Amino acid sequence: MNEQQRLEIEAAAFRRLVQHLRSRPDAQNIELMNLAGFCRNCLSKWYKAAADDLDIEISMDQAREEIYGMPYAEWKQRYQKEATPEQQAAFAKSQKP
């Protein structure tokens, strides 16, 4: 495999991950954080950081829209649920060194 093929495969895998997350709004970000250590917001930050590394100007709102498939505020209104005390406790525990 050459470098271009590797980049194309990685890009395709990333697009598939993003599409999968878009199709699963029932998977709440806090659940993703508690189970996997990352969520849609993390992907948005990584997307923006990659753009910054390439000197491509995008805002955090644009990066979030790329990941969420809609403006972040709209996604939150449609899909985000209040985190349960158990979810909040698990998140707090995972953030301690």
N, C-alpha and C. Protein backbone atom coordinates (compact mmCIF):
# COMPACT_ATOMS: atom_id res chain seq x y z
N MET A 1 0.85 -1.17 0.00
CA MET A 1 0.00 0.00 0.00
C MET A 1 0.90 1.23 0.00
N ASN A 2 0.57 2.18 -0.86
CA ASN A 2 1.35 3.41 -0.88
C ASN A 2 0.69 4.47 0.02
N GLU A 3 1.36 5.59 0.18
CA GLU A 3 0.88 6.65 1.08
C GLU A 3 -0.48 7.18 0.66
N GLN A 4 -0.70 7.40 -0.61
CA GLN A 4 -1.99 7.91 -1.10
C GLN A 4 -3.11 6.92 -0.81
N GLN A 5 -2.86 5.65 -1.02
CA GLN A 5 -3.88 4.63 -0.72
C GLN A 5 -4.19 4.61 0.77
N ARG A 6 -3.16 4.72 1.61
CA ARG A 6 -3.36 4.74 3.05
C ARG A 6 -4.23 5.92 3.45
N LEU A 7 -3.93 7.09 2.90
CA LEU A 7 -4.72 8.29 3.20
C LEU A 7 -6.18 8.13 2.76
N GLU A 8 -6.39 7.55 1.59
CA GLU A 8 -7.74 7.35 1.09
C GLU A 8 -8.51 6.36 1.95
N ILE A 9 -7.84 5.30 2.40
CA ILE A 9 -8.48 4.33 3.28
C ILE A 9 -8.84 4.96 4.62
N GLU A 10 -7.89 5.70 5.19
CA GLU A 10 -8.15 6.37 6.46
C GLU A 10 -9.31 7.36 6.34
N ALA A 11 -9.33 8.12 5.26
CA ALA A 11 -10.41 9.09 5.04
C ALA A 11 -11.76 8.38 4.91
N ALA A 12 -11.78 7.27 4.19
CA ALA A 12 -13.03 6.51 4.02
C ALA A 12 -13.49 5.95 5.36
N ALA A 13 -12.57 5.45 6.16
CA ALA A 13 -12.92 4.90 7.47
C ALA A 13 -13.46 6.01 8.37
N PHE A 14 -12.85 7.18 8.33
CA PHE A 14 -13.32 8.31 9.12
C PHE A 14 -14.72 8.72 8.69
N ARG A 15 -14.94 8.82 7.38
CA ARG A 15 -16.28 9.18 6.89
C ARG A 15 -17.32 8.16 7.35
N ARG A 16 -16.95 6.90 7.35
CA ARG A 16 -17.88 5.85 7.78
C ARG A 16 -18.18 5.97 9.27
N LEU A 17 -17.16 6.27 10.08
CA LEU A 17 -17.38 6.48 11.50
C LEU A 17 -18.32 7.66 11.74
N VAL A 18 -18.08 8.77 11.05
CA VAL A 18 -18.94 9.94 11.20
C VAL A 18 -20.37 9.61 10.78
N GLN A 19 -20.54 8.92 9.67
CA GLN A 19 -21.88 8.54 9.21
C GLN A 19 -22.56 7.62 10.22
N HIS A 20 -21.80 6.71 10.78
CA HIS A 20 -22.36 5.80 11.78
C HIS A 20 -22.85 6.60 13.00
N LEU A 21 -22.04 7.54 13.46
CA LEU A 21 -22.45 8.35 14.62
C LEU A 21 -23.67 9.21 14.29
N ARG A 22 -23.74 9.72 13.06
CA ARG A 22 -24.92 10.49 12.66
C ARG A 22 -26.17 9.62 12.66
N SER A 23 -26.00 8.35 12.33
CA SER A 23 -27.17 7.45 12.27
C SER A 23 -27.56 6.94 13.65
N ARG A 24 -26.77 7.24 14.66
CA ARG A 24 -27.03 6.76 16.02
C ARG A 24 -27.11 7.91 17.02
N PRO A 25 -28.07 8.82 16.82
CA PRO A 25 -28.18 9.93 17.78
C PRO A 25 -28.60 9.44 19.17
N ASP A 26 -29.08 8.20 19.25
CA ASP A 26 -29.43 7.64 20.55
C ASP A 26 -28.19 7.38 21.40
N ALA A 27 -27.04 7.23 20.76
CA ALA A 27 -25.79 7.06 21.50
C ALA A 27 -25.36 8.45 21.96
N GLN A 28 -25.61 8.73 23.22
CA GLN A 28 -25.32 10.05 23.77
C GLN A 28 -23.82 10.26 23.92
N ASN A 29 -23.40 11.51 23.80
CA ASN A 29 -21.98 11.82 23.91
C ASN A 29 -21.39 11.37 25.24
N ILE A 30 -22.13 11.55 26.33
CA ILE A 30 -21.59 11.15 27.63
C ILE A 30 -21.39 9.64 27.69
N GLU A 31 -22.27 8.89 27.04
CA GLU A 31 -22.10 7.44 26.99
C GLU A 31 -20.85 7.07 26.20
N LEU A 32 -20.65 7.76 25.07
CA LEU A 32 -19.44 7.52 24.28
C LEU A 32 -18.19 7.86 25.08
N MET A 33 -18.22 8.97 25.79
CA MET A 33 -17.07 9.35 26.61
C MET A 33 -16.80 8.31 27.70
N ASN A 34 -17.86 7.87 28.35
CA ASN A 34 -17.69 6.91 29.44
C ASN A 34 -17.19 5.56 28.95
N LEU A 35 -17.61 5.15 27.76
CA LEU A 35 -17.21 3.85 27.24
C LEU A 35 -15.93 3.88 26.42
N ALA A 36 -15.77 4.91 25.60
CA ALA A 36 -14.66 4.92 24.65
C ALA A 36 -13.63 6.02 24.90
N GLY A 37 -13.98 6.98 25.74
CA GLY A 37 -13.04 8.06 26.01
C GLY A 37 -13.03 9.16 24.97
N PHE A 38 -13.98 9.14 24.03
CA PHE A 38 -14.13 10.21 23.06
C PHE A 38 -15.58 10.27 22.63
N CYS A 39 -15.96 11.41 22.05
CA CYS A 39 -17.34 11.59 21.59
C CYS A 39 -17.33 12.45 20.32
N ARG A 40 -18.50 12.83 19.90
CA ARG A 40 -18.63 13.66 18.70
C ARG A 40 -17.90 14.99 18.86
N ASN A 41 -17.95 15.56 20.07
CA ASN A 41 -17.25 16.82 20.30
C ASN A 41 -15.75 16.65 20.17
N CYS A 42 -15.23 15.52 20.64
CA CYS A 42 -13.79 15.23 20.48
C CYS A 42 -13.46 15.16 18.99
N LEU A 43 -14.27 14.44 18.22
CA LEU A 43 -14.02 14.34 16.78
C LEU A 43 -14.05 15.73 16.14
N SER A 44 -14.96 16.58 16.58
CA SER A 44 -15.03 17.94 16.05
C SER A 44 -13.74 18.69 16.34
N LYS A 45 -13.24 18.55 17.57
CA LYS A 45 -11.99 19.23 17.94
C LYS A 45 -10.82 18.68 17.13
N TRP A 46 -10.77 17.37 16.93
CA TRP A 46 -9.69 16.77 16.14
C TRP A 46 -9.78 17.22 14.68
N TYR A 47 -11.00 17.33 14.17
CA TYR A 47 -11.22 17.80 12.79
C TYR A 47 -10.68 19.22 12.63
N LYS A 48 -11.04 20.08 13.59
CA LYS A 48 -10.56 21.46 13.54
C LYS A 48 -9.05 21.52 13.68
N ALA A 49 -8.48 20.73 14.58
CA ALA A 49 -7.03 20.72 14.76
C ALA A 49 -6.33 20.29 13.47
N ALA A 50 -6.89 19.31 12.79
CA ALA A 50 -6.30 18.86 11.52
C ALA A 50 -6.36 19.98 10.48
N ALA A 51 -7.48 20.69 10.44
CA ALA A 51 -7.59 21.82 9.51
C ALA A 51 -6.57 22.89 9.86
N ASP A 52 -6.44 23.18 11.15
CA ASP A 52 -5.47 24.18 11.59
C ASP A 52 -4.05 23.78 11.18
N ASP A 53 -3.73 22.49 11.35
CA ASP A 53 -2.40 21.99 10.97
C ASP A 53 -2.11 22.20 9.49
N LEU A 54 -3.17 22.19 8.68
CA LEU A 54 -3.03 22.37 7.23
C LEU A 54 -3.27 23.82 6.80
N ASP A 55 -3.37 24.71 7.80
CA ASP A 55 -3.64 26.13 7.54
C ASP A 55 -4.93 26.34 6.76
N ILE A 56 -5.93 25.53 7.08
CA ILE A 56 -7.27 25.67 6.50
C ILE A 56 -8.16 26.27 7.58
N GLU A 57 -8.72 27.42 7.28
CA GLU A 57 -9.51 28.11 8.29
C GLU A 57 -10.94 27.59 8.32
N ILE A 58 -11.31 27.01 9.45
CA ILE A 58 -12.69 26.66 9.74
C ILE A 58 -12.94 27.00 11.20
N SER A 59 -14.18 27.33 11.49
CA SER A 59 -14.54 27.62 12.88
C SER A 59 -14.89 26.33 13.61
N MET A 60 -14.95 26.42 14.92
CA MET A 60 -15.38 25.26 15.70
C MET A 60 -16.81 24.88 15.33
N ASP A 61 -17.65 25.88 15.08
CA ASP A 61 -19.03 25.59 14.67
C ASP A 61 -19.06 24.83 13.35
N GLN A 62 -18.20 25.21 12.40
CA GLN A 62 -18.14 24.49 11.13
C GLN A 62 -17.64 23.06 11.33
N ALA A 63 -16.66 22.89 12.18
CA ALA A 63 -16.14 21.54 12.45
C ALA A 63 -17.22 20.68 13.09
N ARG A 64 -17.95 21.23 14.04
CA ARG A 64 -19.04 20.47 14.66
C ARG A 64 -20.10 20.09 13.65
N GLU A 65 -20.44 21.01 12.76
CA GLU A 65 -21.46 20.71 11.75
C GLU A 65 -20.99 19.60 10.82
N GLU A 66 -19.71 19.54 10.52
CA GLU A 66 -19.17 18.45 9.70
C GLU A 66 -19.38 17.10 10.40
N ILE A 67 -19.21 17.07 11.69
CA ILE A 67 -19.33 15.81 12.44
C ILE A 67 -20.79 15.49 12.74
N TYR A 68 -21.54 16.46 13.18
CA TYR A 68 -22.93 16.22 13.57
C TYR A 68 -23.88 16.14 12.38
N GLY A 69 -23.50 16.72 11.25
CA GLY A 69 -24.37 16.72 10.08
C GLY A 69 -25.44 17.79 10.13
N MET A 70 -25.35 18.67 11.10
CA MET A 70 -26.29 19.78 11.28
C MET A 70 -25.65 20.72 12.31
N PRO A 71 -26.19 21.92 12.44
CA PRO A 71 -25.65 22.80 13.48
C PRO A 71 -25.75 22.12 14.86
N TYR A 72 -24.71 22.32 15.66
CA TYR A 72 -24.63 21.68 16.97
C TYR A 72 -25.85 21.99 17.84
N ALA A 73 -26.29 23.24 17.85
CA ALA A 73 -27.44 23.63 18.66
C ALA A 73 -28.69 22.84 18.25
N GLU A 74 -28.84 22.63 16.96
CA GLU A 74 -29.99 21.85 16.47
C GLU A 74 -29.89 20.40 16.93
N TRP A 75 -28.69 19.81 16.83
CA TRP A 75 -28.52 18.43 17.27
C TRP A 75 -28.83 18.31 18.75
N LYS A 76 -28.33 19.25 19.55
CA LYS A 76 -28.59 19.20 21.00
C LYS A 76 -30.08 19.27 21.28
N GLN A 77 -30.77 20.15 20.59
CA GLN A 77 -32.21 20.30 20.80
C GLN A 77 -32.96 19.04 20.41
N ARG A 78 -32.57 18.44 19.29
CA ARG A 78 -33.27 17.24 18.81
C ARG A 78 -32.95 15.97 19.59
N TYR A 79 -31.68 15.79 19.95
CA TYR A 79 -31.24 14.48 20.41
C TYR A 79 -30.62 14.41 21.80
N GLN A 80 -30.04 15.48 22.28
CA GLN A 80 -29.31 15.37 23.54
C GLN A 80 -30.28 15.27 24.71
N LYS A 81 -30.01 14.29 25.55
CA LYS A 81 -30.81 14.08 26.76
C LYS A 81 -29.99 14.51 27.96
N GLU A 82 -30.69 14.81 29.03
CA GLU A 82 -30.01 15.15 30.28
C GLU A 82 -29.25 13.93 30.78
N ALA A 83 -28.01 14.13 31.16
CA ALA A 83 -27.20 13.03 31.68
C ALA A 83 -27.74 12.59 33.03
N THR A 84 -27.76 11.29 33.23
CA THR A 84 -28.23 10.76 34.51
C THR A 84 -27.13 10.97 35.56
N PRO A 85 -27.50 10.92 36.83
CA PRO A 85 -26.48 11.01 37.88
C PRO A 85 -25.41 9.92 37.74
N GLU A 86 -25.81 8.74 37.32
CA GLU A 86 -24.84 7.65 37.13
C GLU A 86 -23.86 7.97 36.00
N GLN A 87 -24.38 8.52 34.91
CA GLN A 87 -23.51 8.90 33.79
C GLN A 87 -22.55 10.01 34.20
N GLN A 88 -23.06 10.98 34.94
CA GLN A 88 -22.21 12.08 35.40
C GLN A 88 -21.13 11.58 36.34
N ALA A 89 -21.49 10.66 37.24
CA ALA A 89 -20.50 10.11 38.18
C ALA A 89 -19.43 9.32 37.43
N ALA A 90 -19.84 8.51 36.45
CA ALA A 90 -18.86 7.74 35.67
C ALA A 90 -17.94 8.67 34.91
N PHE A 91 -18.49 9.76 34.36
CA PHE A 91 -17.67 10.72 33.63
C PHE A 91 -16.68 11.39 34.57
N ALA A 92 -17.15 11.83 35.72
CA ALA A 92 -16.26 12.49 36.70
C ALA A 92 -15.15 11.54 37.12
N LYS A 93 -15.47 10.28 37.35
CA LYS A 93 -14.48 9.29 37.75
C LYS A 93 -13.43 9.10 36.65
N SER A 94 -13.87 9.09 35.39
CA SER A 94 -12.95 8.86 34.28
C SER A 94 -12.02 10.05 34.05
N GLN A 95 -12.37 11.22 34.55
CA GLN A 95 -11.56 12.42 34.34
C GLN A 95 -10.47 12.60 35.39
N LYS A 96 -10.52 11.79 36.45
CA LYS A 96 -9.52 11.90 37.51
C LYS A 96 -8.26 11.14 37.10
N PRO A 97 -7.09 11.75 37.40
CA PRO A 97 -5.83 11.09 37.02
C PRO A 97 -5.55 9.82 37.79
